[in-house]
Amino acid sequence: MSELNSVQRFYKDKTIFITGGSGFMGKVLIEKLLYSCSEVKEIIVLMRPKRGKSVSQRKDDFTKLPCFRRTVEEKPEMMNKITIVNGEISLPHLGLCEEDLKYVIEKTEIIFHLAASLKLEATLRPNVLMNLTGTKNVIDVAKMTKNLLLMVHTSTAFCNVDHAVVDEKVYDFPQRPMDIIRMAEWMNEKAMANVQPEILSFHPNTYTYTKRLAEILVRDEFNESKLPLCIVRPSIVTPSFWEPVIGWVDSLNGPPGITVAAGKGVLRTILVNPNAHFEAIPVDMACNGLLMFAKKLGTDTEKPKEIPVCNITAHESSKVTYGYIFEQGEKLKFDIPFSQVMWYPNTRITQSKLYYAINVFLFQWIPAYFIDLLVLIFRQPRFMVKVQKKISQGMDALEFFTMNDWHFKSKNYIGLVGIQDREEWEMFLVDGRNVGNNDKYMLDSSMGIRRYCARDSIKTLRSAKITMYTLWVIDSMCKIFFFYWLIKTILTYSGLLDHATMFIHGVNDHFTTKFTST
């Protein structure tokens, strides 16, 4: 048996409690612990029944996911180290039964709190209950644990939207977290929605607002109770760079959703600042950052005076713009096309809200109603208008982020590379230099989105390419005929066509007469 590195030694014989384990990052974090830190004692995952499936059934589903394939095939016994407890993040004591609560309190040594509502368009109360009250409930359980080494609170790099430069510290806010928590306890959803615009202040949505307050809650608890807490802030989490499967992603939030909608030809225009930076981090690097930062804090002999914060964001050498991302996407649409596309994908980006609104109306809403009319005639269920409503709602929520630019200082995250030896550097990769502008990563991400989000088999790639080129020809011909019709109509109604015809005939007669006389 090979000697363990310092990261593996830290997690050896540890019992880890994870919230949000069924989410995109949560699955990758659990898999990484099982595969690379195989000496871990146990991973307790908070989970609730969903879509008619019990928590035990959801655990069984883990073994079927592509992200767990290598662990199942190479280290199948590790799956037995996952313990699922039935609970709900927004309830006191996390909704755990007495037996499960006692188990968590007695066993837990490290907590990774990842559970959160990512719904940008959600009203205030649901996101307060999930992101703010939920964080308080996790802290309350953390206080009860007997052997807690560290609790890692996962926030977002975009929760401090009023700061163009975001440092690795917690920023103050006029409102107090506990006041908002109490408000959610005695006010219903409608009442809170009525005061939402005033409460949010400069925050574009309830997600960034509640994550901002959750950070303050964690910081205040650190200062008052000296509980071993820290905060990590991943930026936009994108498909995996290397592990557990190259290009793996199972969430349509953010870039994957835009890629699928644009690739299938239903998203034609995006409001975006092409010069703004696309702040993203591959999911495996984000999870490695969590594990490395926790290890660093857990082994430091000197305890921090202020709550440690780590911005898990793109390396300076890896930063790219939205313009670059969409330019690369245009190149890849012929190499990795989706199957079952509605029309030839030709998504435009613009900073003009007027141009955006006109394009959305002409090339998204009108076609959507036309398609629904056709399917109605053939007595099939309508779907396209519903799809467009969902797309429009999502794009409206993302507008604030695609039109603005931030700079994130990530000294603590970059510093993790400096404490790694060669083996740890390879096993727990956090060195993100040249990831964003890596053509292979763009290709792998697109393929991963196609395979795991759109559920397009690799076997359909050849036929999808043929379809793509066919649609390109049809789209080009339609544009030629449209502009021909448009020019002809303008000339006809303006009388210019008659004048042009008379002029041509006149010139022709002139030269014919001159030639005949000669």
Protein backbone atom coordinates (compact mmCIF):
# COMPACT_ATOMS: atom_id res chain seq x y z
CA MET A 1 0.00 0.00 0.00
CA SER A 2 1.44 3.37 -1.06
CA GLU A 3 2.08 6.06 1.52
CA LEU A 4 -0.70 8.59 1.98
CA ASN A 5 -0.10 12.22 1.08
CA SER A 6 -0.89 15.03 3.54
CA VAL A 7 -4.42 15.58 2.19
CA GLN A 8 -5.29 11.90 2.42
CA ARG A 9 -3.85 11.75 5.93
CA PHE A 10 -6.02 14.67 7.00
CA TYR A 11 -9.23 12.97 5.86
CA LYS A 12 -8.20 9.52 7.08
CA ASP A 13 -10.66 8.09 9.64
CA LYS A 14 -12.76 11.27 9.48
CA THR A 15 -16.56 11.32 9.44
CA ILE A 16 -17.83 14.03 7.13
CA PHE A 17 -21.33 15.49 7.06
CA ILE A 18 -22.45 16.98 3.74
CA THR A 19 -25.54 19.01 2.85
CA GLY A 20 -26.41 19.47 -0.81
CA GLY A 21 -24.85 16.12 -1.68
CA SER A 22 -27.35 15.50 -4.47
CA GLY A 23 -26.39 18.73 -6.26
CA PHE A 24 -23.86 19.14 -9.06
CA MET A 25 -20.93 20.07 -6.80
CA GLY A 26 -22.11 17.78 -4.01
CA LYS A 27 -21.91 14.63 -6.14
CA VAL A 28 -18.41 15.48 -7.38
CA LEU A 29 -17.24 16.24 -3.82
CA ILE A 30 -18.58 12.93 -2.48
CA GLU A 31 -17.04 10.97 -5.36
CA LYS A 32 -13.68 12.69 -4.91
CA LEU A 33 -13.60 11.85 -1.21
CA LEU A 34 -14.50 8.22 -1.88
CA TYR A 35 -12.02 7.78 -4.72
CA SER A 36 -8.99 9.83 -3.65
CA CYS A 37 -9.44 9.82 0.14
CA SER A 38 -10.40 6.17 0.47
CA GLU A 39 -9.29 6.06 4.11
CA VAL A 40 -12.18 8.37 5.03
CA LYS A 41 -14.31 6.71 7.70
CA GLU A 42 -17.81 7.75 6.66
CA ILE A 43 -19.70 10.34 4.62
CA ILE A 44 -23.09 11.30 6.06
CA VAL A 45 -25.30 12.96 3.45
CA LEU A 46 -28.42 14.96 4.29
CA MET A 47 -31.09 14.17 1.76
CA ARG A 48 -34.86 14.36 1.38
CA PRO A 49 -37.31 12.21 -0.59
CA LYS A 50 -37.81 13.57 -4.10
CA ARG A 51 -40.11 12.77 -7.02
CA GLY A 52 -41.61 9.82 -5.18
CA LYS A 53 -38.23 8.29 -4.35
CA SER A 54 -37.13 7.57 -0.80
CA VAL A 55 -33.67 8.62 0.39
CA SER A 56 -32.45 5.01 0.18
CA GLN A 57 -33.62 4.80 -3.43
CA ARG A 58 -31.82 8.05 -4.20
CA LYS A 59 -28.64 6.60 -2.72
CA ASP A 60 -28.97 3.59 -5.02
CA ASP A 61 -29.28 5.99 -7.95
CA PHE A 62 -25.78 7.28 -7.14
CA THR A 63 -24.27 4.04 -8.39
CA LYS A 64 -25.86 4.59 -11.80
CA LEU A 65 -24.44 8.07 -12.34
CA PRO A 66 -21.48 8.52 -14.72
CA CYS A 67 -19.63 10.57 -12.09
CA PHE A 68 -19.50 7.55 -9.76
CA ARG A 69 -18.54 5.04 -12.45
CA ARG A 70 -14.82 4.87 -11.68
CA THR A 71 -15.46 4.45 -7.94
CA VAL A 72 -18.05 1.72 -8.53
CA GLU A 73 -15.76 -0.11 -10.96
CA GLU A 74 -12.43 0.31 -9.15
CA LYS A 75 -13.43 0.67 -5.48
CA PRO A 76 -17.01 -0.64 -5.14
CA GLU A 77 -16.65 -1.14 -1.39
CA MET A 78 -16.33 2.64 -0.93
CA MET A 79 -19.99 3.16 -1.77
CA ASN A 80 -20.81 1.49 1.56
CA LYS A 81 -19.21 4.45 3.35
CA ILE A 82 -22.11 6.69 2.31
CA THR A 83 -24.79 7.05 4.99
CA ILE A 84 -27.98 8.86 4.00
CA VAL A 85 -30.04 10.67 6.65
CA ASN A 86 -33.54 11.89 5.88
CA GLY A 87 -33.86 15.61 6.53
CA GLU A 88 -34.78 19.08 5.30
CA ILE A 89 -32.36 22.00 5.39
CA SER A 90 -34.99 24.64 6.19
CA LEU A 91 -36.29 22.86 9.33
CA PRO A 92 -34.91 23.09 12.90
CA HIS A 93 -32.25 20.45 13.54
CA LEU A 94 -32.36 19.94 9.75
CA GLY A 95 -35.57 17.97 10.14
CA LEU A 96 -33.62 14.97 11.45
CA CYS A 97 -35.34 12.39 13.60
CA GLU A 98 -33.98 12.03 17.13
CA GLU A 99 -31.93 8.95 16.26
CA ASP A 100 -30.34 10.50 13.16
CA LEU A 101 -29.65 13.79 14.95
CA LYS A 102 -27.86 11.95 17.74
CA TYR A 103 -25.84 10.00 15.16
CA VAL A 104 -24.78 13.17 13.32
CA ILE A 105 -23.87 14.97 16.57
CA GLU A 106 -21.74 12.10 17.86
CA LYS A 107 -19.97 11.17 14.62
CA THR A 108 -19.42 14.35 12.61
CA GLU A 109 -15.95 15.91 12.50
CA ILE A 110 -16.08 17.98 9.30
CA ILE A 111 -19.10 19.67 7.72
CA PHE A 112 -19.37 20.74 4.09
CA HIS A 113 -22.48 22.87 3.72
CA LEU A 114 -23.33 23.03 0.01
CA ALA A 115 -27.14 22.96 0.08
CA ALA A 116 -28.69 26.05 -1.48
CA SER A 117 -31.48 27.22 -3.73
CA LEU A 118 -29.91 28.42 -6.99
CA LYS A 119 -33.15 29.83 -8.37
CA LEU A 120 -32.36 33.40 -9.41
CA GLU A 121 -36.00 34.11 -10.22
CA ALA A 122 -37.39 32.79 -6.90
CA THR A 123 -39.32 35.09 -4.60
CA LEU A 124 -37.81 36.14 -1.29
CA ARG A 125 -39.30 33.75 1.27
CA PRO A 126 -38.31 30.40 -0.34
CA ASN A 127 -34.71 31.52 -0.80
CA VAL A 128 -34.53 32.93 2.74
CA LEU A 129 -35.73 29.61 4.15
CA MET A 130 -33.26 27.63 2.05
CA ASN A 131 -30.15 29.80 1.92
CA LEU A 132 -30.34 31.79 5.15
CA THR A 133 -32.47 29.82 7.62
CA GLY A 134 -30.91 26.63 6.25
CA THR A 135 -27.42 27.93 7.03
CA LYS A 136 -28.50 28.86 10.56
CA ASN A 137 -29.89 25.35 11.05
CA VAL A 138 -26.61 23.76 9.93
CA ILE A 139 -24.68 26.02 12.32
CA ASP A 140 -27.02 25.04 15.17
CA VAL A 141 -26.27 21.36 14.51
CA ALA A 142 -22.55 22.15 14.20
CA LYS A 143 -22.65 23.70 17.69
CA MET A 144 -24.06 20.45 19.05
CA THR A 145 -21.40 18.19 17.54
CA LYS A 146 -18.86 16.78 19.96
CA ASN A 147 -15.74 16.57 17.77
CA LEU A 148 -16.08 19.31 15.17
CA LEU A 149 -12.82 20.23 13.42
CA LEU A 150 -14.26 22.55 10.79
CA MET A 151 -17.44 23.63 9.01
CA VAL A 152 -17.07 24.85 5.42
CA HIS A 153 -19.88 27.14 4.21
CA THR A 154 -20.18 27.26 0.42
CA SER A 155 -21.27 30.68 -0.79
CA THR A 156 -20.94 32.30 -4.23
CA ALA A 157 -18.41 34.74 -5.67
CA PHE A 158 -21.31 36.89 -6.87
CA CYS A 159 -22.96 37.68 -3.54
CA ASN A 160 -21.19 41.05 -3.20
CA VAL A 161 -22.49 42.59 -6.43
CA ASP A 162 -22.00 46.17 -5.21
CA HIS A 163 -18.21 45.73 -5.18
CA ALA A 164 -16.37 45.82 -8.52
CA VAL A 165 -13.35 44.30 -6.79
CA VAL A 166 -14.20 41.45 -4.41
CA ASP A 167 -11.63 40.61 -1.76
CA GLU A 168 -11.48 37.46 0.36
CA LYS A 169 -13.43 38.91 3.26
CA VAL A 170 -17.05 39.25 4.39
CA TYR A 171 -18.65 42.56 3.48
CA ASP A 172 -21.16 44.28 5.76
CA PHE A 173 -24.77 44.92 4.81
CA PRO A 174 -27.35 47.23 6.46
CA GLN A 175 -29.80 44.43 7.21
CA ARG A 176 -29.22 41.81 9.87
CA PRO A 177 -29.61 38.13 8.98
CA MET A 178 -31.66 37.22 12.07
CA ASP A 179 -34.18 39.98 11.32
CA ILE A 180 -34.81 38.53 7.86
CA ILE A 181 -35.00 34.99 9.27
CA ARG A 182 -37.66 36.09 11.77
CA MET A 183 -39.50 37.93 9.02
CA ALA A 184 -39.72 34.69 7.00
CA GLU A 185 -41.12 32.91 10.07
CA TRP A 186 -44.14 35.17 10.54
CA MET A 187 -44.76 36.52 7.02
CA ASN A 188 -46.21 34.45 4.20
CA GLU A 189 -44.72 34.32 0.70
CA LYS A 190 -47.07 36.94 -0.77
CA ALA A 191 -46.40 39.44 2.01
CA MET A 192 -42.64 39.05 1.65
CA ALA A 193 -42.90 39.39 -2.13
CA ASN A 194 -44.59 42.76 -1.65
CA VAL A 195 -41.65 44.17 0.32
CA GLN A 196 -39.03 42.35 -1.76
CA PRO A 197 -38.00 45.27 -4.04
CA GLU A 198 -37.30 47.52 -1.05
CA ILE A 199 -35.46 44.82 0.90
CA LEU A 200 -33.21 43.65 -1.94
CA SER A 201 -31.76 47.13 -2.43
CA PHE A 202 -29.06 46.88 -5.15
CA HIS A 203 -29.16 43.08 -5.29
CA PRO A 204 -30.52 41.81 -8.64
CA ASN A 205 -32.26 38.77 -7.16
CA THR A 206 -33.04 36.92 -3.95
CA TYR A 207 -30.22 34.41 -4.53
CA THR A 208 -27.31 36.86 -4.22
CA TYR A 209 -29.15 38.68 -1.42
CA THR A 210 -29.69 35.60 0.76
CA LYS A 211 -26.18 34.29 0.12
CA ARG A 212 -24.79 37.69 1.19
CA LEU A 213 -26.71 37.56 4.46
CA ALA A 214 -25.72 33.92 5.01
CA GLU A 215 -22.06 34.93 4.88
CA ILE A 216 -22.66 37.61 7.51
CA LEU A 217 -24.48 35.05 9.66
CA VAL A 218 -21.51 32.66 9.44
CA ARG A 219 -19.01 35.45 10.17
CA ASP A 220 -20.96 36.68 13.21
CA GLU A 221 -21.16 33.13 14.56
CA PHE A 222 -17.40 32.74 14.08
CA ASN A 223 -16.75 35.97 16.00
CA GLU A 224 -19.19 35.24 18.83
CA SER A 225 -18.86 31.51 19.48
CA LYS A 226 -15.40 30.86 17.99
CA LEU A 227 -16.89 27.92 16.12
CA PRO A 228 -14.35 26.66 13.52
CA LEU A 229 -16.00 28.10 10.41
CA CYS A 230 -14.81 29.19 6.99
CA ILE A 231 -16.37 30.41 3.73
CA VAL A 232 -15.59 29.36 0.17
CA ARG A 233 -16.92 31.26 -2.85
CA PRO A 234 -16.92 29.39 -6.16
CA SER A 235 -17.71 31.47 -9.24
CA ILE A 236 -19.75 29.95 -12.11
CA VAL A 237 -19.21 26.19 -11.80
CA THR A 238 -18.66 24.58 -15.20
CA PRO A 239 -18.17 20.98 -16.48
CA SER A 240 -15.29 18.98 -15.06
CA PHE A 241 -11.80 19.55 -16.39
CA TRP A 242 -10.48 16.09 -15.57
CA GLU A 243 -12.41 14.23 -12.87
CA PRO A 244 -14.43 12.15 -12.26
CA VAL A 245 -15.27 12.06 -15.99
CA ILE A 246 -13.93 14.61 -18.47
CA GLY A 247 -16.61 17.18 -19.25
CA TRP A 248 -19.12 15.84 -16.74
CA VAL A 249 -22.09 18.05 -15.84
CA ASP A 250 -25.67 17.26 -14.93
CA SER A 251 -27.06 20.72 -14.20
CA LEU A 252 -28.71 23.04 -16.72
CA ASN A 253 -28.11 26.09 -14.51
CA GLY A 254 -26.12 28.84 -16.22
CA PRO A 255 -23.81 28.04 -19.18
CA PRO A 256 -25.03 24.45 -19.84
CA GLY A 257 -28.65 25.63 -20.13
CA ILE A 258 -27.66 28.45 -22.48
CA THR A 259 -25.55 26.05 -24.55
CA VAL A 260 -28.41 23.57 -24.97
CA ALA A 261 -31.00 26.27 -25.78
CA ALA A 262 -28.69 27.98 -28.28
CA GLY A 263 -27.47 24.70 -29.76
CA LYS A 264 -31.01 23.52 -30.42
CA GLY A 265 -31.85 26.78 -32.18
CA VAL A 266 -34.46 28.11 -29.75
CA LEU A 267 -32.26 30.81 -28.16
CA ARG A 268 -31.43 33.32 -30.90
CA THR A 269 -30.21 36.40 -29.03
CA ILE A 270 -28.39 37.01 -25.75
CA LEU A 271 -27.92 40.32 -23.95
CA VAL A 272 -24.26 40.31 -22.96
CA ASN A 273 -21.24 42.54 -22.63
CA PRO A 274 -18.67 40.81 -24.88
CA ASN A 275 -15.79 42.46 -23.01
CA ALA A 276 -16.92 41.34 -19.54
CA HIS A 277 -15.02 38.45 -18.01
CA PHE A 278 -16.62 35.02 -17.91
CA GLU A 279 -15.77 34.07 -14.32
CA ALA A 280 -15.92 30.28 -14.20
CA ILE A 281 -14.23 27.34 -12.50
CA PRO A 282 -14.44 23.64 -13.46
CA VAL A 283 -16.40 21.64 -10.89
CA ASP A 284 -13.51 19.30 -10.06
CA MET A 285 -11.18 22.22 -9.34
CA ALA A 286 -13.86 23.86 -7.20
CA CYS A 287 -14.30 20.68 -5.13
CA ASN A 288 -10.53 20.22 -4.84
CA GLY A 289 -10.40 23.81 -3.60
CA LEU A 290 -12.94 22.97 -0.88
CA LEU A 291 -10.97 19.91 0.21
CA MET A 292 -7.60 21.67 0.13
CA PHE A 293 -8.81 24.79 1.97
CA ALA A 294 -10.43 22.65 4.67
CA LYS A 295 -7.24 20.61 5.01
CA LYS A 296 -5.13 23.76 5.29
CA LEU A 297 -7.32 25.28 8.01
CA GLY A 298 -7.72 21.96 9.80
CA THR A 299 -3.97 21.49 10.11
CA ASP A 300 -2.94 25.09 10.84
CA THR A 301 -1.64 25.39 14.38
CA GLU A 302 -2.42 29.10 14.56
CA LYS A 303 -6.14 29.78 14.60
CA PRO A 304 -7.35 32.71 12.45
CA LYS A 305 -8.56 35.91 14.12
CA GLU A 306 -10.97 36.65 11.27
CA ILE A 307 -13.13 34.15 9.45
CA PRO A 308 -11.15 32.61 6.56
CA VAL A 309 -12.63 33.26 3.10
CA CYS A 310 -11.50 31.70 -0.17
CA ASN A 311 -12.58 33.00 -3.60
CA ILE A 312 -12.49 29.92 -5.84
CA THR A 313 -12.31 31.74 -9.15
CA ALA A 314 -10.45 31.60 -12.47
CA HIS A 315 -6.71 32.18 -12.50
CA GLU A 316 -5.62 35.51 -13.99
CA SER A 317 -3.91 33.75 -16.92
CA SER A 318 -7.09 31.78 -17.56
CA LYS A 319 -9.60 34.63 -17.64
CA VAL A 320 -11.59 34.95 -20.87
CA THR A 321 -14.39 37.24 -22.01
CA TYR A 322 -17.97 36.42 -22.93
CA GLY A 323 -17.11 37.47 -26.47
CA TYR A 324 -14.41 34.79 -26.63
CA ILE A 325 -16.75 32.14 -25.22
CA PHE A 326 -19.45 32.82 -27.82
CA GLU A 327 -16.84 32.99 -30.59
CA GLN A 328 -15.61 29.52 -29.61
CA GLY A 329 -19.19 28.28 -29.39
CA GLU A 330 -19.81 29.36 -32.99
CA LYS A 331 -16.82 27.30 -34.10
CA LEU A 332 -17.93 24.22 -32.19
CA LYS A 333 -21.55 24.11 -33.37
CA PHE A 334 -20.54 22.17 -36.51
CA ASP A 335 -18.17 19.87 -34.61
CA ILE A 336 -20.49 18.99 -31.72
CA PRO A 337 -24.07 19.67 -32.86
CA PHE A 338 -27.11 18.61 -30.86
CA SER A 339 -29.62 16.18 -32.29
CA GLN A 340 -33.32 17.12 -32.57
CA VAL A 341 -32.66 20.82 -33.16
CA MET A 342 -35.54 23.17 -33.96
CA TRP A 343 -33.58 25.28 -36.46
CA TYR A 344 -30.05 26.16 -37.48
CA PRO A 345 -28.39 27.65 -34.36
CA ASN A 346 -27.20 31.18 -35.01
CA THR A 347 -27.21 32.97 -31.65
CA ARG A 348 -26.32 36.66 -31.68
CA ILE A 349 -24.93 38.63 -28.74
CA THR A 350 -25.63 42.31 -28.19
CA GLN A 351 -25.39 45.05 -25.59
CA SER A 352 -28.36 46.94 -27.04
CA LYS A 353 -31.58 46.25 -25.15
CA LEU A 354 -33.65 47.55 -28.08
CA TYR A 355 -31.89 45.30 -30.59
CA TYR A 356 -32.23 42.41 -28.14
CA ALA A 357 -35.98 42.98 -27.65
CA ILE A 358 -36.62 43.20 -31.42
CA ASN A 359 -34.65 40.02 -32.12
CA VAL A 360 -36.35 38.08 -29.33
CA PHE A 361 -39.76 39.10 -30.65
CA LEU A 362 -38.98 38.33 -34.31
CA PHE A 363 -36.85 35.22 -33.97
CA GLN A 364 -38.04 33.60 -30.74
CA TRP A 365 -41.62 34.57 -29.89
CA ILE A 366 -43.10 34.61 -33.42
CA PRO A 367 -41.58 31.21 -34.36
CA ALA A 368 -42.71 29.79 -30.99
CA TYR A 369 -46.35 30.76 -31.59
CA PHE A 370 -46.12 29.55 -35.20
CA ILE A 371 -44.80 26.13 -34.13
CA ASP A 372 -47.48 25.81 -31.45
CA LEU A 373 -50.11 26.66 -34.07
CA LEU A 374 -48.80 23.90 -36.32
CA VAL A 375 -48.77 21.27 -33.58
CA LEU A 376 -52.28 22.38 -32.57
CA ILE A 377 -53.48 21.81 -36.14
CA PHE A 378 -52.04 18.30 -36.00
CA ARG A 379 -53.65 17.82 -32.57
CA GLN A 380 -50.39 17.50 -30.69
CA PRO A 381 -49.62 19.11 -27.30
CA ARG A 382 -48.24 22.65 -27.57
CA PHE A 383 -44.85 23.23 -26.00
CA MET A 384 -42.82 25.92 -27.75
CA VAL A 385 -44.36 29.01 -26.11
CA LYS A 386 -43.87 27.38 -22.71
CA VAL A 387 -40.21 26.73 -23.59
CA GLN A 388 -39.74 30.34 -24.68
CA LYS A 389 -41.29 31.65 -21.47
CA LYS A 390 -38.83 29.59 -19.46
CA ILE A 391 -35.91 30.76 -21.60
CA SER A 392 -36.96 34.42 -21.33
CA GLN A 393 -37.33 34.14 -17.57
CA GLY A 394 -33.88 32.58 -17.29
CA MET A 395 -32.20 35.13 -19.56
CA ASP A 396 -33.81 38.02 -17.68
CA ALA A 397 -32.35 36.63 -14.45
CA LEU A 398 -28.88 36.26 -15.99
CA GLU A 399 -28.81 39.71 -17.61
CA PHE A 400 -27.26 41.41 -14.58
CA PHE A 401 -24.34 38.98 -14.59
CA THR A 402 -23.72 38.93 -18.35
CA MET A 403 -23.75 42.74 -18.61
CA ASN A 404 -21.46 43.52 -15.65
CA ASP A 405 -17.86 42.77 -14.79
CA TRP A 406 -16.10 41.96 -11.50
CA HIS A 407 -12.56 41.30 -10.40
CA PHE A 408 -12.06 38.65 -7.72
CA LYS A 409 -8.96 38.53 -5.58
CA SER A 410 -8.10 34.89 -4.93
CA LYS A 411 -4.89 34.92 -2.93
CA ASN A 412 -6.06 32.13 -0.61
CA TYR A 413 -7.16 29.91 -3.49
CA ILE A 414 -3.99 30.46 -5.55
CA GLY A 415 -1.97 29.92 -2.38
CA LEU A 416 -3.26 26.34 -2.14
CA VAL A 417 -0.96 25.40 -5.03
CA GLY A 418 2.04 26.47 -2.97
CA ILE A 419 1.32 23.99 -0.17
CA GLN A 420 0.97 20.98 -2.49
CA ASP A 421 3.70 18.52 -3.33
CA ARG A 422 3.83 17.00 -6.82
CA GLU A 423 1.50 14.09 -6.02
CA GLU A 424 -1.06 16.35 -4.35
CA TRP A 425 -0.85 18.82 -7.26
CA GLU A 426 -1.90 16.03 -9.62
CA MET A 427 -4.44 14.36 -7.34
CA PHE A 428 -6.12 17.53 -6.05
CA LEU A 429 -5.71 19.85 -9.02
CA VAL A 430 -6.47 23.49 -8.20
CA ASP A 431 -3.92 25.08 -10.54
CA GLY A 432 -6.28 26.63 -13.07
CA ARG A 433 -3.73 28.34 -15.30
CA ASN A 434 -4.76 28.24 -18.97
CA VAL A 435 -8.01 26.39 -18.35
CA GLY A 436 -10.41 29.05 -19.61
CA ASN A 437 -8.57 29.61 -22.90
CA ASN A 438 -7.88 25.90 -23.37
CA ASP A 439 -9.49 24.77 -26.64
CA LYS A 440 -9.60 21.16 -25.49
CA TYR A 441 -11.51 22.12 -22.35
CA MET A 442 -14.04 24.02 -24.47
CA LEU A 443 -14.42 20.95 -26.67
CA ASP A 444 -14.72 18.58 -23.68
CA SER A 445 -17.27 20.85 -21.98
CA SER A 446 -19.42 21.05 -25.10
CA MET A 447 -19.29 17.28 -25.52
CA GLY A 448 -20.15 16.80 -21.84
CA ILE A 449 -23.14 19.13 -22.05
CA ARG A 450 -24.32 17.30 -25.17
CA ARG A 451 -23.92 13.88 -23.59
CA TYR A 452 -24.96 14.39 -19.97
CA CYS A 453 -27.40 17.34 -20.10
CA ALA A 454 -29.02 16.92 -23.53
CA ARG A 455 -28.72 13.11 -23.26
CA ASP A 456 -27.46 12.86 -26.85
CA SER A 457 -25.63 9.61 -27.50
CA ILE A 458 -22.24 9.73 -29.20
CA LYS A 459 -23.81 7.48 -31.85
CA THR A 460 -26.03 10.35 -33.02
CA LEU A 461 -23.11 12.73 -33.66
CA ARG A 462 -22.62 11.85 -37.34
CA SER A 463 -26.31 12.21 -38.20
CA ALA A 464 -26.46 15.43 -36.16
CA LYS A 465 -23.61 16.88 -38.25
CA ILE A 466 -25.46 16.04 -41.47
CA THR A 467 -28.60 17.67 -40.08
CA MET A 468 -26.61 20.74 -39.05
CA TYR A 469 -25.14 21.29 -42.53
CA THR A 470 -28.56 20.69 -44.09
CA LEU A 471 -30.16 23.28 -41.82
CA TRP A 472 -27.34 25.71 -42.62
CA VAL A 473 -28.12 25.42 -46.34
CA ILE A 474 -31.87 25.82 -45.73
CA ASP A 475 -31.28 28.77 -43.39
CA SER A 476 -29.00 30.46 -45.94
CA MET A 477 -31.52 29.94 -48.76
CA CYS A 478 -34.34 31.31 -46.62
CA LYS A 479 -32.29 34.43 -45.87
CA ILE A 480 -31.47 34.93 -49.56
CA PHE A 481 -35.13 34.61 -50.59
CA PHE A 482 -36.22 36.82 -47.69
CA PHE A 483 -33.85 39.64 -48.60
CA TYR A 484 -34.73 39.24 -52.29
CA TRP A 485 -38.44 39.56 -51.43
CA LEU A 486 -37.76 42.48 -49.07
CA ILE A 487 -35.73 44.45 -51.63
CA LYS A 488 -38.23 43.72 -54.39
CA THR A 489 -41.14 44.80 -52.17
CA ILE A 490 -39.41 48.06 -51.20
CA LEU A 491 -38.55 48.84 -54.81
CA THR A 492 -42.08 48.00 -55.99
CA TYR A 493 -43.92 50.10 -53.41
CA SER A 494 -41.52 53.00 -53.78
CA GLY A 495 -41.84 53.02 -57.58
CA LEU A 496 -38.11 52.54 -57.92
CA LEU A 497 -38.57 49.16 -59.57
CA ASP A 498 -40.50 50.72 -62.50
CA HIS A 499 -37.90 53.46 -62.84
CA ALA A 500 -35.09 50.93 -62.71
CA THR A 501 -36.81 48.77 -65.34
CA MET A 502 -37.38 51.77 -67.62
CA PHE A 503 -33.75 52.84 -67.15
CA ILE A 504 -32.44 49.39 -68.04
CA HIS A 505 -34.70 49.20 -71.11
CA GLY A 506 -33.58 52.70 -72.11
CA VAL A 507 -29.92 51.82 -71.83
CA ASN A 508 -30.53 48.61 -73.73
CA ASP A 509 -32.41 50.42 -76.54
CA HIS A 510 -29.66 53.06 -76.73
CA PHE A 511 -26.90 50.55 -77.25
CA THR A 512 -29.03 48.41 -79.58
CA THR A 513 -29.78 51.43 -81.80
CA LYS A 514 -26.13 52.51 -81.75
CA PHE A 515 -24.96 49.03 -82.66
CA THR A 516 -27.53 48.72 -85.50
CA SER A 517 -26.63 52.10 -86.99
CA THR A 518 -23.00 51.15 -86.92
